[in-house]
Amino acid sequence: YEILSSIPGERLKVRDVLIGTEAEILERSASRSLRQGDIVYAQAWN
């Protein structure tokens, strides 16, 4: 997942680099350190 934008301490907007889907991830910890352009290996749950 590529980080498109972030609100530190709240959420991340991400795009799955492999299939192109986008999502807004509620994430309080990682959103403080991840920056636009970073990529994470992760599993998103709905």
PDB file of all heavy atoms in Angstrom:
ATOM      1  N   TYR A   1       0.836  -1.195   0.000  1.00  0.00           N
ATOM      2  CA  TYR A   1       0.000   0.000   0.000  1.00  0.00           C
ATOM      3  C   TYR A   1       0.872   1.247   0.000  1.00  0.00           C
ATOM      4  O   TYR A   1       1.727   1.415   0.879  1.00  0.00           O
ATOM      5  CB  TYR A   1      -0.925   0.008   1.227  1.00  0.00           C
ATOM      6  CG  TYR A   1      -1.990  -1.056   1.170  1.00  0.00           C
ATOM      7  CD1 TYR A   1      -1.784  -2.315   1.721  1.00  0.00           C
ATOM      8  CD2 TYR A   1      -3.203  -0.799   0.537  1.00  0.00           C
ATOM      9  CE1 TYR A   1      -2.758  -3.301   1.650  1.00  0.00           C
ATOM     10  CE2 TYR A   1      -4.191  -1.782   0.470  1.00  0.00           C
ATOM     11  CZ  TYR A   1      -3.956  -3.026   1.023  1.00  0.00           C
ATOM     12  OH  TYR A   1      -4.933  -3.998   0.946  1.00  0.00           O
ATOM     13  N   GLU A   2       0.631   2.110  -0.978  1.00  0.00           N
ATOM     14  CA  GLU A   2       1.354   3.377  -1.063  1.00  0.00           C
ATOM     15  C   GLU A   2       0.586   4.447  -0.286  1.00  0.00           C
ATOM     16  O   GLU A   2      -0.639   4.550  -0.413  1.00  0.00           O
ATOM     17  CB  GLU A   2       1.508   3.806  -2.518  1.00  0.00           C
ATOM     18  CG  GLU A   2       2.245   5.121  -2.694  1.00  0.00           C
ATOM     19  CD  GLU A   2       2.372   5.529  -4.144  1.00  0.00           C
ATOM     20  OE1 GLU A   2       1.732   4.880  -5.008  1.00  0.00           O
ATOM     21  OE2 GLU A   2       3.122   6.484  -4.426  1.00  0.00           O
ATOM     22  N   ILE A   3       1.311   5.229   0.501  1.00  0.00           N
ATOM     23  CA  ILE A   3       0.677   6.299   1.274  1.00  0.00           C
ATOM     24  C   ILE A   3       0.448   7.490   0.361  1.00  0.00           C
ATOM     25  O   ILE A   3       1.399   8.076  -0.173  1.00  0.00           O
ATOM     26  CB  ILE A   3       1.557   6.709   2.475  1.00  0.00           C
ATOM     27  CG1 ILE A   3       1.971   5.475   3.292  1.00  0.00           C
ATOM     28  CG2 ILE A   3       0.814   7.722   3.338  1.00  0.00           C
ATOM     29  CD1 ILE A   3       0.834   4.628   3.796  1.00  0.00           C
ATOM     30  N   LEU A   4      -0.821   7.857   0.161  1.00  0.00           N
ATOM     31  CA  LEU A   4      -1.173   9.010  -0.664  1.00  0.00           C
ATOM     32  C   LEU A   4      -1.220  10.286   0.150  1.00  0.00           C
ATOM     33  O   LEU A   4      -0.845  11.360  -0.326  1.00  0.00           O
ATOM     34  CB  LEU A   4      -2.517   8.778  -1.363  1.00  0.00           C
ATOM     35  CG  LEU A   4      -2.604   7.532  -2.261  1.00  0.00           C
ATOM     36  CD1 LEU A   4      -4.002   7.413  -2.860  1.00  0.00           C
ATOM     37  CD2 LEU A   4      -1.555   7.571  -3.361  1.00  0.00           C
ATOM     38  N   SER A   5      -1.690  10.183   1.389  1.00  0.00           N
ATOM     39  CA  SER A   5      -1.734  11.333   2.298  1.00  0.00           C
ATOM     40  C   SER A   5      -1.972  10.806   3.702  1.00  0.00           C
ATOM     41  O   SER A   5      -2.342   9.635   3.895  1.00  0.00           O
ATOM     42  CB  SER A   5      -2.836  12.323   1.903  1.00  0.00           C
ATOM     43  OG  SER A   5      -4.111  11.701   2.000  1.00  0.00           O
ATOM     44  N   SER A   6      -1.772  11.674   4.676  1.00  0.00           N
ATOM     45  CA  SER A   6      -1.999  11.241   6.060  1.00  0.00           C
ATOM     46  C   SER A   6      -2.446  12.408   6.921  1.00  0.00           C
ATOM     47  O   SER A   6      -2.090  13.564   6.657  1.00  0.00           O
ATOM     48  CB  SER A   6      -0.724  10.634   6.658  1.00  0.00           C
ATOM     49  OG  SER A   6       0.259  11.638   6.857  1.00  0.00           O
ATOM     50  N   ILE A   7      -3.240  12.092   7.905  1.00  0.00           N
ATOM     51  CA  ILE A   7      -3.540  13.011   9.000  1.00  0.00           C
ATOM     52  C   ILE A   7      -2.917  12.365  10.236  1.00  0.00           C
ATOM     53  O   ILE A   7      -3.450  11.369  10.758  1.00  0.00           O
ATOM     54  CB  ILE A   7      -5.055  13.219   9.190  1.00  0.00           C
ATOM     55  CG1 ILE A   7      -5.671  13.823   7.921  1.00  0.00           C
ATOM     56  CG2 ILE A   7      -5.322  14.115  10.384  1.00  0.00           C
ATOM     57  CD1 ILE A   7      -7.178  13.998   7.995  1.00  0.00           C
ATOM     58  N   PRO A   8      -1.750  12.853  10.680  1.00  0.00           N
ATOM     59  CA  PRO A   8      -1.028  12.187  11.773  1.00  0.00           C
ATOM     60  C   PRO A   8      -1.899  11.976  13.000  1.00  0.00           C
ATOM     61  O   PRO A   8      -2.596  12.876  13.456  1.00  0.00           O
ATOM     62  CB  PRO A   8       0.126  13.162  12.061  1.00  0.00           C
ATOM     63  CG  PRO A   8       0.352  13.880  10.771  1.00  0.00           C
ATOM     64  CD  PRO A   8      -1.017  14.030  10.178  1.00  0.00           C
ATOM     65  N   GLY A   9      -1.854  10.739  13.488  1.00  0.00           N
ATOM     66  CA  GLY A   9      -2.631  10.395  14.674  1.00  0.00           C
ATOM     67  C   GLY A   9      -4.063  10.010  14.387  1.00  0.00           C
ATOM     68  O   GLY A   9      -4.803   9.649  15.302  1.00  0.00           O
ATOM     69  N   GLU A  10      -4.482  10.059  13.110  1.00  0.00           N
ATOM     70  CA  GLU A  10      -5.872   9.765  12.774  1.00  0.00           C
ATOM     71  C   GLU A  10      -6.023   8.724  11.666  1.00  0.00           C
ATOM     72  O   GLU A  10      -6.541   7.644  11.880  1.00  0.00           O
ATOM     73  CB  GLU A  10      -6.616  11.049  12.366  1.00  0.00           C
ATOM     74  CG  GLU A  10      -6.909  11.977  13.519  1.00  0.00           C
ATOM     75  CD  GLU A  10      -7.821  13.117  13.115  1.00  0.00           C
ATOM     76  OE1 GLU A  10      -8.533  12.990  12.088  1.00  0.00           O
ATOM     77  OE2 GLU A  10      -7.822  14.140  13.821  1.00  0.00           O
ATOM     78  N   ARG A  11      -5.539   9.048  10.445  1.00  0.00           N
ATOM     79  CA  ARG A  11      -5.854   8.175   9.317  1.00  0.00           C
ATOM     80  C   ARG A  11      -4.834   8.318   8.201  1.00  0.00           C
ATOM     81  O   ARG A  11      -4.044   9.273   8.168  1.00  0.00           O
ATOM     82  CB  ARG A  11      -7.254   8.470   8.800  1.00  0.00           C
ATOM     83  CG  ARG A  11      -7.423   9.850   8.221  1.00  0.00           C
ATOM     84  CD  ARG A  11      -8.901  10.168   7.961  1.00  0.00           C
ATOM     85  NE  ARG A  11      -9.634  10.302   9.215  1.00  0.00           N
ATOM     86  CZ  ARG A  11     -10.812   9.724   9.432  1.00  0.00           C
ATOM     87  NH1 ARG A  11     -11.391   8.993   8.502  1.00  0.00           N
ATOM     88  NH2 ARG A  11     -11.422   9.890  10.586  1.00  0.00           N
ATOM     89  N   LEU A  12      -4.902   7.362   7.281  1.00  0.00           N
ATOM     90  CA  LEU A  12      -4.058   7.343   6.096  1.00  0.00           C
ATOM     91  C   LEU A  12      -4.933   7.122   4.869  1.00  0.00           C
ATOM     92  O   LEU A  12      -5.877   6.330   4.930  1.00  0.00           O
ATOM     93  CB  LEU A  12      -3.043   6.189   6.161  1.00  0.00           C
ATOM     94  CG  LEU A  12      -2.020   6.176   7.299  1.00  0.00           C
ATOM     95  CD1 LEU A  12      -1.422   4.767   7.417  1.00  0.00           C
ATOM     96  CD2 LEU A  12      -0.917   7.193   7.030  1.00  0.00           C
ATOM     97  N   LYS A  13      -4.626   7.796   3.785  1.00  0.00           N
ATOM     98  CA  LYS A  13      -5.233   7.459   2.509  1.00  0.00           C
ATOM     99  C   LYS A  13      -4.209   6.648   1.745  1.00  0.00           C
ATOM    100  O   LYS A  13      -3.066   7.084   1.571  1.00  0.00           O
ATOM    101  CB  LYS A  13      -5.623   8.707   1.720  1.00  0.00           C
ATOM    102  CG  LYS A  13      -6.393   8.369   0.445  1.00  0.00           C
ATOM    103  CD  LYS A  13      -6.861   9.618  -0.286  1.00  0.00           C
ATOM    104  CE  LYS A  13      -7.649   9.239  -1.549  1.00  0.00           C
ATOM    105  NZ  LYS A  13      -8.107  10.437  -2.296  1.00  0.00           N
ATOM    106  N   VAL A  14      -4.588   5.447   1.298  1.00  0.00           N
ATOM    107  CA  VAL A  14      -3.628   4.533   0.689  1.00  0.00           C
ATOM    108  C   VAL A  14      -4.150   4.011  -0.647  1.00  0.00           C
ATOM    109  O   VAL A  14      -5.356   4.035  -0.916  1.00  0.00           O
ATOM    110  CB  VAL A  14      -3.317   3.337   1.622  1.00  0.00           C
ATOM    111  CG1 VAL A  14      -2.786   3.822   2.957  1.00  0.00           C
ATOM    112  CG2 VAL A  14      -4.553   2.447   1.819  1.00  0.00           C
ATOM    113  N   ARG A  15      -3.205   3.529  -1.457  1.00  0.00           N
ATOM    114  CA  ARG A  15      -3.564   2.878  -2.719  1.00  0.00           C
ATOM    115  C   ARG A  15      -2.817   1.567  -2.816  1.00  0.00           C
ATOM    116  O   ARG A  15      -1.599   1.524  -2.579  1.00  0.00           O
ATOM    117  CB  ARG A  15      -3.194   3.760  -3.914  1.00  0.00           C
ATOM    118  CG  ARG A  15      -3.582   3.168  -5.268  1.00  0.00           C
ATOM    119  CD  ARG A  15      -3.299   4.144  -6.392  1.00  0.00           C
ATOM    120  NE  ARG A  15      -1.876   4.266  -6.640  1.00  0.00           N
ATOM    121  CZ  ARG A  15      -1.199   3.516  -7.516  1.00  0.00           C
ATOM    122  NH1 ARG A  15      -1.834   2.582  -8.212  1.00  0.00           N
ATOM    123  NH2 ARG A  15       0.083   3.692  -7.691  1.00  0.00           N
ATOM    124  N   ASP A  16      -3.536   0.494  -3.124  1.00  0.00           N
ATOM    125  CA  ASP A  16      -2.905  -0.799  -3.337  1.00  0.00           C
ATOM    126  C   ASP A  16      -2.129  -0.728  -4.653  1.00  0.00           C
ATOM    127  O   ASP A  16      -2.723  -0.584  -5.726  1.00  0.00           O
ATOM    128  CB  ASP A  16      -3.973  -1.903  -3.400  1.00  0.00           C
ATOM    129  CG  ASP A  16      -3.376  -3.301  -3.413  1.00  0.00           C
ATOM    130  OD1 ASP A  16      -2.340  -3.492  -4.076  1.00  0.00           O
ATOM    131  OD2 ASP A  16      -3.955  -4.210  -2.786  1.00  0.00           O
ATOM    132  N   VAL A  17      -0.794  -0.810  -4.576  1.00  0.00           N
ATOM    133  CA  VAL A  17       0.035  -0.653  -5.773  1.00  0.00           C
ATOM    134  C   VAL A  17      -0.227  -1.769  -6.776  1.00  0.00           C
ATOM    135  O   VAL A  17      -0.097  -1.575  -7.987  1.00  0.00           O
ATOM    136  CB  VAL A  17       1.536  -0.618  -5.390  1.00  0.00           C
ATOM    137  CG1 VAL A  17       2.420  -0.428  -6.623  1.00  0.00           C
ATOM    138  CG2 VAL A  17       1.810   0.495  -4.377  1.00  0.00           C
ATOM    139  N   LEU A  18      -0.642  -2.948  -6.308  1.00  0.00           N
ATOM    140  CA  LEU A  18      -0.803  -4.099  -7.189  1.00  0.00           C
ATOM    141  C   LEU A  18      -2.129  -4.099  -7.945  1.00  0.00           C
ATOM    142  O   LEU A  18      -2.179  -4.486  -9.110  1.00  0.00           O
ATOM    143  CB  LEU A  18      -0.654  -5.397  -6.393  1.00  0.00           C
ATOM    144  CG  LEU A  18       0.708  -5.596  -5.704  1.00  0.00           C
ATOM    145  CD1 LEU A  18       0.743  -6.912  -4.956  1.00  0.00           C
ATOM    146  CD2 LEU A  18       1.845  -5.524  -6.715  1.00  0.00           C
ATOM    147  N   ILE A  19      -3.214  -3.673  -7.302  1.00  0.00           N
ATOM    148  CA  ILE A  19      -4.513  -3.714  -7.990  1.00  0.00           C
ATOM    149  C   ILE A  19      -5.163  -2.336  -8.125  1.00  0.00           C
ATOM    150  O   ILE A  19      -6.220  -2.213  -8.745  1.00  0.00           O
ATOM    151  CB  ILE A  19      -5.494  -4.696  -7.311  1.00  0.00           C
ATOM    152  CG1 ILE A  19      -5.727  -4.326  -5.838  1.00  0.00           C
ATOM    153  CG2 ILE A  19      -4.989  -6.114  -7.423  1.00  0.00           C
ATOM    154  CD1 ILE A  19      -6.753  -5.219  -5.142  1.00  0.00           C
ATOM    155  N   GLY A  20      -4.549  -1.302  -7.555  1.00  0.00           N
ATOM    156  CA  GLY A  20      -5.004   0.063  -7.792  1.00  0.00           C
ATOM    157  C   GLY A  20      -6.136   0.571  -6.942  1.00  0.00           C
ATOM    158  O   GLY A  20      -6.539   1.731  -7.087  1.00  0.00           O
ATOM    159  N   THR A  21      -6.708  -0.244  -6.057  1.00  0.00           N
ATOM    160  CA  THR A  21      -7.824   0.217  -5.229  1.00  0.00           C
ATOM    161  C   THR A  21      -7.320   1.180  -4.147  1.00  0.00           C
ATOM    162  O   THR A  21      -6.205   1.042  -3.646  1.00  0.00           O
ATOM    163  CB  THR A  21      -8.545  -0.961  -4.558  1.00  0.00           C
ATOM    164  OG1 THR A  21      -7.588  -1.727  -3.808  1.00  0.00           O
ATOM    165  CG2 THR A  21      -9.185  -1.859  -5.599  1.00  0.00           C
ATOM    166  N   GLU A  22      -8.157   2.141  -3.805  1.00  0.00           N
ATOM    167  CA  GLU A  22      -7.806   3.114  -2.778  1.00  0.00           C
ATOM    168  C   GLU A  22      -8.694   2.927  -1.550  1.00  0.00           C
ATOM    169  O   GLU A  22      -9.824   2.441  -1.649  1.00  0.00           O
ATOM    170  CB  GLU A  22      -7.944   4.541  -3.318  1.00  0.00           C
ATOM    171  CG  GLU A  22      -6.944   4.864  -4.419  1.00  0.00           C
ATOM    172  CD  GLU A  22      -6.990   6.320  -4.849  1.00  0.00           C
ATOM    173  OE1 GLU A  22      -7.732   7.113  -4.222  1.00  0.00           O
ATOM    174  OE2 GLU A  22      -6.272   6.675  -5.804  1.00  0.00           O
ATOM    175  N   ALA A  23      -8.173   3.319  -0.395  1.00  0.00           N
ATOM    176  CA  ALA A  23      -8.928   3.192   0.848  1.00  0.00           C
ATOM    177  C   ALA A  23      -8.445   4.236   1.834  1.00  0.00           C
ATOM    178  O   ALA A  23      -7.318   4.733   1.741  1.00  0.00           O
ATOM    179  CB  ALA A  23      -8.757   1.788   1.444  1.00  0.00           C
ATOM    180  N   GLU A  24      -9.315   4.555   2.763  1.00  0.00           N
ATOM    181  CA  GLU A  24      -8.943   5.423   3.881  1.00  0.00           C
ATOM    182  C   GLU A  24      -8.837   4.547   5.121  1.00  0.00           C
ATOM    183  O   GLU A  24      -9.826   3.947   5.545  1.00  0.00           O
ATOM    184  CB  GLU A  24      -9.965   6.535   4.074  1.00  0.00           C
ATOM    185  CG  GLU A  24      -9.465   7.640   4.994  1.00  0.00           C
ATOM    186  CD  GLU A  24     -10.352   8.864   4.955  1.00  0.00           C
ATOM    187  OE1 GLU A  24     -11.423   8.812   5.594  1.00  0.00           O
ATOM    188  OE2 GLU A  24      -9.999   9.863   4.288  1.00  0.00           O
ATOM    189  N   ILE A  25      -7.629   4.456   5.663  1.00  0.00           N
ATOM    190  CA  ILE A  25      -7.347   3.557   6.786  1.00  0.00           C
ATOM    191  C   ILE A  25      -7.336   4.343   8.083  1.00  0.00           C
ATOM    192  O   ILE A  25      -6.588   5.320   8.228  1.00  0.00           O
ATOM    193  CB  ILE A  25      -5.982   2.855   6.601  1.00  0.00           C
ATOM    194  CG1 ILE A  25      -5.926   2.106   5.257  1.00  0.00           C
ATOM    195  CG2 ILE A  25      -5.690   1.922   7.763  1.00  0.00           C
ATOM    196  CD1 ILE A  25      -6.827   0.907   5.181  1.00  0.00           C
ATOM    197  N   LEU A  26      -8.164   3.928   9.018  1.00  0.00           N
ATOM    198  CA  LEU A  26      -8.130   4.536  10.347  1.00  0.00           C
ATOM    199  C   LEU A  26      -6.933   3.940  11.082  1.00  0.00           C
ATOM    200  O   LEU A  26      -6.892   2.736  11.342  1.00  0.00           O
ATOM    201  CB  LEU A  26      -9.434   4.221  11.088  1.00  0.00           C
ATOM    202  CG  LEU A  26      -9.914   5.270  12.097  1.00  0.00           C
ATOM    203  CD1 LEU A  26     -10.161   6.591  11.392  1.00  0.00           C
ATOM    204  CD2 LEU A  26     -11.185   4.802  12.776  1.00  0.00           C
ATOM    205  N   GLU A  27      -5.949   4.747  11.362  1.00  0.00           N
ATOM    206  CA  GLU A  27      -4.699   4.245  11.947  1.00  0.00           C
ATOM    207  C   GLU A  27      -4.042   5.368  12.743  1.00  0.00           C
ATOM    208  O   GLU A  27      -3.611   6.376  12.195  1.00  0.00           O
ATOM    209  CB  GLU A  27      -3.753   3.757  10.837  1.00  0.00           C
ATOM    210  CG  GLU A  27      -2.369   3.401  11.290  1.00  0.00           C
ATOM    211  CD  GLU A  27      -2.346   2.435  12.447  1.00  0.00           C
ATOM    212  OE1 GLU A  27      -2.963   1.358  12.344  1.00  0.00           O
ATOM    213  OE2 GLU A  27      -1.717   2.760  13.466  1.00  0.00           O
ATOM    214  N   ARG A  28      -3.959   5.191  14.055  1.00  0.00           N
ATOM    215  CA  ARG A  28      -3.483   6.262  14.927  1.00  0.00           C
ATOM    216  C   ARG A  28      -1.962   6.263  15.088  1.00  0.00           C
ATOM    217  O   ARG A  28      -1.344   7.317  15.205  1.00  0.00           O
ATOM    218  CB  ARG A  28      -4.150   6.153  16.300  1.00  0.00           C
ATOM    219  CG  ARG A  28      -5.658   6.340  16.244  1.00  0.00           C
ATOM    220  CD  ARG A  28      -6.300   6.259  17.611  1.00  0.00           C
ATOM    221  NE  ARG A  28      -5.839   7.289  18.516  1.00  0.00           N
ATOM    222  CZ  ARG A  28      -6.296   8.533  18.533  1.00  0.00           C
ATOM    223  NH1 ARG A  28      -7.209   8.911  17.653  1.00  0.00           N
ATOM    224  NH2 ARG A  28      -5.835   9.405  19.397  1.00  0.00           N
ATOM    225  N   SER A  29      -1.344   5.098  15.099  1.00  0.00           N
ATOM    226  CA  SER A  29       0.095   5.019  15.365  1.00  0.00           C
ATOM    227  C   SER A  29       0.932   5.236  14.099  1.00  0.00           C
ATOM    228  O   SER A  29       1.729   6.170  14.016  1.00  0.00           O
ATOM    229  CB  SER A  29       0.434   3.667  15.989  1.00  0.00           C
ATOM    230  OG  SER A  29       1.821   3.556  16.223  1.00  0.00           O
ATOM    231  N   ALA A  30       0.744   4.377  13.094  1.00  0.00           N
ATOM    232  CA  ALA A  30       1.566   4.460  11.886  1.00  0.00           C
ATOM    233  C   ALA A  30       1.374   5.777  11.148  1.00  0.00           C
ATOM    234  O   ALA A  30       2.293   6.258  10.476  1.00  0.00           O
ATOM    235  CB  ALA A  30       1.246   3.296  10.956  1.00  0.00           C
ATOM    236  N   SER A  31       0.194   6.405  11.278  1.00  0.00           N
ATOM    237  CA  SER A  31      -0.062   7.666  10.571  1.00  0.00           C
ATOM    238  C   SER A  31       0.831   8.790  11.079  1.00  0.00           C
ATOM    239  O   SER A  31       0.969   9.823  10.410  1.00  0.00           O
ATOM    240  CB  SER A  31      -1.539   8.071  10.719  1.00  0.00           C
ATOM    241  OG  SER A  31      -1.864   8.282  12.086  1.00  0.00           O
ATOM    242  N   ARG A  32       1.456   8.604  12.239  1.00  0.00           N
ATOM    243  CA  ARG A  32       2.353   9.629  12.780  1.00  0.00           C
ATOM    244  C   ARG A  32       3.736   9.576  12.137  1.00  0.00           C
ATOM    245  O   ARG A  32       4.473  10.561  12.172  1.00  0.00           O
ATOM    246  CB  ARG A  32       2.487   9.478  14.292  1.00  0.00           C
ATOM    247  CG  ARG A  32       1.211   9.789  15.073  1.00  0.00           C
ATOM    248  CD  ARG A  32       1.475   9.801  16.574  1.00  0.00           C
ATOM    249  NE  ARG A  32       0.313  10.249  17.322  1.00  0.00           N
ATOM    250  CZ  ARG A  32      -0.588   9.434  17.857  1.00  0.00           C
ATOM    251  NH1 ARG A  32      -0.442   8.118  17.706  1.00  0.00           N
ATOM    252  NH2 ARG A  32      -1.613   9.906  18.518  1.00  0.00           N
ATOM    253  N   SER A  33       4.110   8.433  11.592  1.00  0.00           N
ATOM    254  CA  SER A  33       5.467   8.287  11.055  1.00  0.00           C
ATOM    255  C   SER A  33       5.510   8.093   9.537  1.00  0.00           C
ATOM    256  O   SER A  33       6.484   8.483   8.898  1.00  0.00           O
ATOM    257  CB  SER A  33       6.169   7.098  11.719  1.00  0.00           C
ATOM    258  OG  SER A  33       5.425   5.898  11.538  1.00  0.00           O
ATOM    259  N   LEU A  34       4.467   7.509   8.963  1.00  0.00           N
ATOM    260  CA  LEU A  34       4.467   7.271   7.518  1.00  0.00           C
ATOM    261  C   LEU A  34       4.246   8.579   6.753  1.00  0.00           C
ATOM    262  O   LEU A  34       3.479   9.436   7.198  1.00  0.00           O
ATOM    263  CB  LEU A  34       3.393   6.263   7.139  1.00  0.00           C
ATOM    264  CG  LEU A  34       3.637   4.830   7.621  1.00  0.00           C
ATOM    265  CD1 LEU A  34       2.413   3.968   7.365  1.00  0.00           C
ATOM    266  CD2 LEU A  34       4.866   4.226   6.952  1.00  0.00           C
ATOM    267  N   ARG A  35       4.937   8.699   5.617  1.00  0.00           N
ATOM    268  CA  ARG A  35       4.844   9.915   4.818  1.00  0.00           C
ATOM    269  C   ARG A  35       4.359   9.597   3.412  1.00  0.00           C
ATOM    270  O   ARG A  35       4.435   8.451   2.960  1.00  0.00           O
ATOM    271  CB  ARG A  35       6.210  10.599   4.741  1.00  0.00           C
ATOM    272  CG  ARG A  35       6.725  11.081   6.074  1.00  0.00           C
ATOM    273  CD  ARG A  35       8.089  11.732   5.918  1.00  0.00           C
ATOM    274  NE  ARG A  35       9.137  10.775   5.643  1.00  0.00           N
ATOM    275  CZ  ARG A  35      10.395  11.118   5.377  1.00  0.00           C
ATOM    276  NH1 ARG A  35      10.735  12.390   5.321  1.00  0.00           N
ATOM    277  NH2 ARG A  35      11.302  10.197   5.149  1.00  0.00           N
ATOM    278  N   GLN A  36       3.879  10.624   2.736  1.00  0.00           N
ATOM    279  CA  GLN A  36       3.436  10.463   1.361  1.00  0.00           C
ATOM    280  C   GLN A  36       4.571   9.863   0.533  1.00  0.00           C
ATOM    281  O   GLN A  36       5.709  10.310   0.577  1.00  0.00           O
ATOM    282  CB  GLN A  36       3.026  11.811   0.780  1.00  0.00           C
ATOM    283  CG  GLN A  36       2.503  11.726  -0.638  1.00  0.00           C
ATOM    284  CD  GLN A  36       2.099  13.089  -1.170  1.00  0.00           C
ATOM    285  OE1 GLN A  36       2.095  14.070  -0.441  1.00  0.00           O
ATOM    286  NE2 GLN A  36       1.772  13.155  -2.446  1.00  0.00           N
ATOM    287  N   GLY A  37       4.246   8.812  -0.223  1.00  0.00           N
ATOM    288  CA  GLY A  37       5.257   8.132  -1.034  1.00  0.00           C
ATOM    289  C   GLY A  37       5.783   6.863  -0.409  1.00  0.00           C
ATOM    290  O   GLY A  37       6.302   5.997  -1.115  1.00  0.00           O
ATOM    291  N   ASP A  38       5.696   6.723   0.927  1.00  0.00           N
ATOM    292  CA  ASP A  38       6.097   5.476   1.578  1.00  0.00           C
ATOM    293  C   ASP A  38       5.184   4.340   1.122  1.00  0.00           C
ATOM    294  O   ASP A  38       4.034   4.565   0.726  1.00  0.00           O
ATOM    295  CB  ASP A  38       6.012   5.594   3.108  1.00  0.00           C
ATOM    296  CG  ASP A  38       7.166   6.390   3.703  1.00  0.00           C
ATOM    297  OD1 ASP A  38       8.221   6.483   3.051  1.00  0.00           O
ATOM    298  OD2 ASP A  38       7.011   6.916   4.825  1.00  0.00           O
ATOM    299  N   ILE A  39       5.698   3.128   1.204  1.00  0.00           N
ATOM    300  CA  ILE A  39       4.923   1.929   0.864  1.00  0.00           C
ATOM    301  C   ILE A  39       5.000   0.975   2.045  1.00  0.00           C
ATOM    302  O   ILE A  39       6.071   0.810   2.641  1.00  0.00           O
ATOM    303  CB  ILE A  39       5.471   1.247  -0.402  1.00  0.00           C
ATOM    304  CG1 ILE A  39       5.371   2.202  -1.600  1.00  0.00           C
ATOM    305  CG2 ILE A  39       4.721  -0.047  -0.719  1.00  0.00           C
ATOM    306  CD1 ILE A  39       6.083   1.704  -2.846  1.00  0.00           C
ATOM    307  N   VAL A  40       3.871   0.364   2.396  1.00  0.00           N
ATOM    308  CA  VAL A  40       3.861  -0.606   3.495  1.00  0.00           C
ATOM    309  C   VAL A  40       3.321  -1.940   2.988  1.00  0.00           C
ATOM    310  O   VAL A  40       2.461  -1.986   2.101  1.00  0.00           O
ATOM    311  CB  VAL A  40       3.021  -0.120   4.700  1.00  0.00           C
ATOM    312  CG1 VAL A  40       3.688   1.047   5.388  1.00  0.00           C
ATOM    313  CG2 VAL A  40       1.596   0.237   4.292  1.00  0.00           C
ATOM    314  N   TYR A  41       3.864  -3.002   3.548  1.00  0.00           N
ATOM    315  CA  TYR A  41       3.384  -4.361   3.288  1.00  0.00           C
ATOM    316  C   TYR A  41       2.381  -4.662   4.387  1.00  0.00           C
ATOM    317  O   TYR A  41       2.740  -4.761   5.566  1.00  0.00           O
ATOM    318  CB  TYR A  41       4.568  -5.322   3.323  1.00  0.00           C
ATOM    319  CG  TYR A  41       4.224  -6.797   3.197  1.00  0.00           C
ATOM    320  CD1 TYR A  41       3.695  -7.317   2.028  1.00  0.00           C
ATOM    321  CD2 TYR A  41       4.475  -7.667   4.266  1.00  0.00           C
ATOM    322  CE1 TYR A  41       3.404  -8.666   1.912  1.00  0.00           C
ATOM    323  CE2 TYR A  41       4.196  -9.018   4.163  1.00  0.00           C
ATOM    324  CZ  TYR A  41       3.654  -9.510   2.984  1.00  0.00           C
ATOM    325  OH  TYR A  41       3.370 -10.860   2.887  1.00  0.00           O
ATOM    326  N   ALA A  42       1.097  -4.738   4.040  1.00  0.00           N
ATOM    327  CA  ALA A  42       0.055  -4.789   5.066  1.00  0.00           C
ATOM    328  C   ALA A  42      -1.197  -5.468   4.537  1.00  0.00           C
ATOM    329  O   ALA A  42      -1.335  -5.735   3.337  1.00  0.00           O
ATOM    330  CB  ALA A  42      -0.277  -3.363   5.533  1.00  0.00           C
ATOM    331  N   GLN A  43      -2.118  -5.750   5.467  1.00  0.00           N
ATOM    332  CA  GLN A  43      -3.430  -6.300   5.120  1.00  0.00           C
ATOM    333  C   GLN A  43      -4.490  -5.336   5.629  1.00  0.00           C
ATOM    334  O   GLN A  43      -4.523  -4.997   6.818  1.00  0.00           O
ATOM    335  CB  GLN A  43      -3.632  -7.678   5.755  1.00  0.00           C
ATOM    336  CG  GLN A  43      -4.936  -8.350   5.339  1.00  0.00           C
ATOM    337  CD  GLN A  43      -5.131  -9.706   6.004  1.00  0.00           C
ATOM    338  OE1 GLN A  43      -4.928  -9.859   7.212  1.00  0.00           O
ATOM    339  NE2 GLN A  43      -5.515 -10.701   5.215  1.00  0.00           N
ATOM    340  N   ALA A  44      -5.346  -4.857   4.720  1.00  0.00           N
ATOM    341  CA  ALA A  44      -6.423  -3.938   5.087  1.00  0.00           C
ATOM    342  C   ALA A  44      -7.708  -4.723   5.324  1.00  0.00           C
ATOM    343  O   ALA A  44      -8.087  -5.567   4.506  1.00  0.00           O
ATOM    344  CB  ALA A  44      -6.624  -2.904   3.993  1.00  0.00           C
ATOM    345  N   TRP A  45      -8.364  -4.440   6.451  1.00  0.00           N
ATOM    346  CA  TRP A  45      -9.644  -5.079   6.782  1.00  0.00           C
ATOM    347  C   TRP A  45     -10.769  -4.059   6.665  1.00  0.00           C
ATOM    348  O   TRP A  45     -10.615  -2.893   7.052  1.00  0.00           O
ATOM    349  CB  TRP A  45      -9.614  -5.615   8.204  1.00  0.00           C
ATOM    350  CG  TRP A  45      -8.697  -6.790   8.417  1.00  0.00           C
ATOM    351  CD1 TRP A  45      -7.938  -7.431   7.496  1.00  0.00           C
ATOM    352  CD2 TRP A  45      -8.458  -7.448   9.668  1.00  0.00           C
ATOM    353  NE1 TRP A  45      -7.240  -8.462   8.073  1.00  0.00           N
ATOM    354  CE2 TRP A  45      -7.536  -8.498   9.411  1.00  0.00           C
ATOM    355  CE3 TRP A  45      -8.926  -7.280  10.967  1.00  0.00           C
ATOM    356  CZ2 TRP A  45      -7.072  -9.353  10.406  1.00  0.00           C
ATOM    357  CZ3 TRP A  45      -8.468  -8.125  11.964  1.00  0.00           C
ATOM    358  CH2 TRP A  45      -7.560  -9.158  11.688  1.00  0.00           C
ATOM    359  N   ASN A  46     -11.917  -4.500   6.167  1.00  0.00           N
ATOM    360  CA  ASN A  46     -13.101  -3.651   6.065  1.00  0.00           C
ATOM    361  C   ASN A  46     -14.078  -4.032   7.171  1.00  0.00           C
ATOM    362  O   ASN A  46     -14.612  -5.142   7.195  1.00  0.00           O
ATOM    363  CB  ASN A  46     -13.767  -3.829   4.693  1.00  0.00           C
ATOM    364  CG  ASN A  46     -12.818  -3.479   3.562  1.00  0.00           C
ATOM    365  OD1 ASN A  46     -12.086  -2.506   3.657  1.00  0.00           O
ATOM    366  ND2 ASN A  46     -12.833  -4.264   2.493  1.00  0.00           N
TER     367      ASN A  46
END
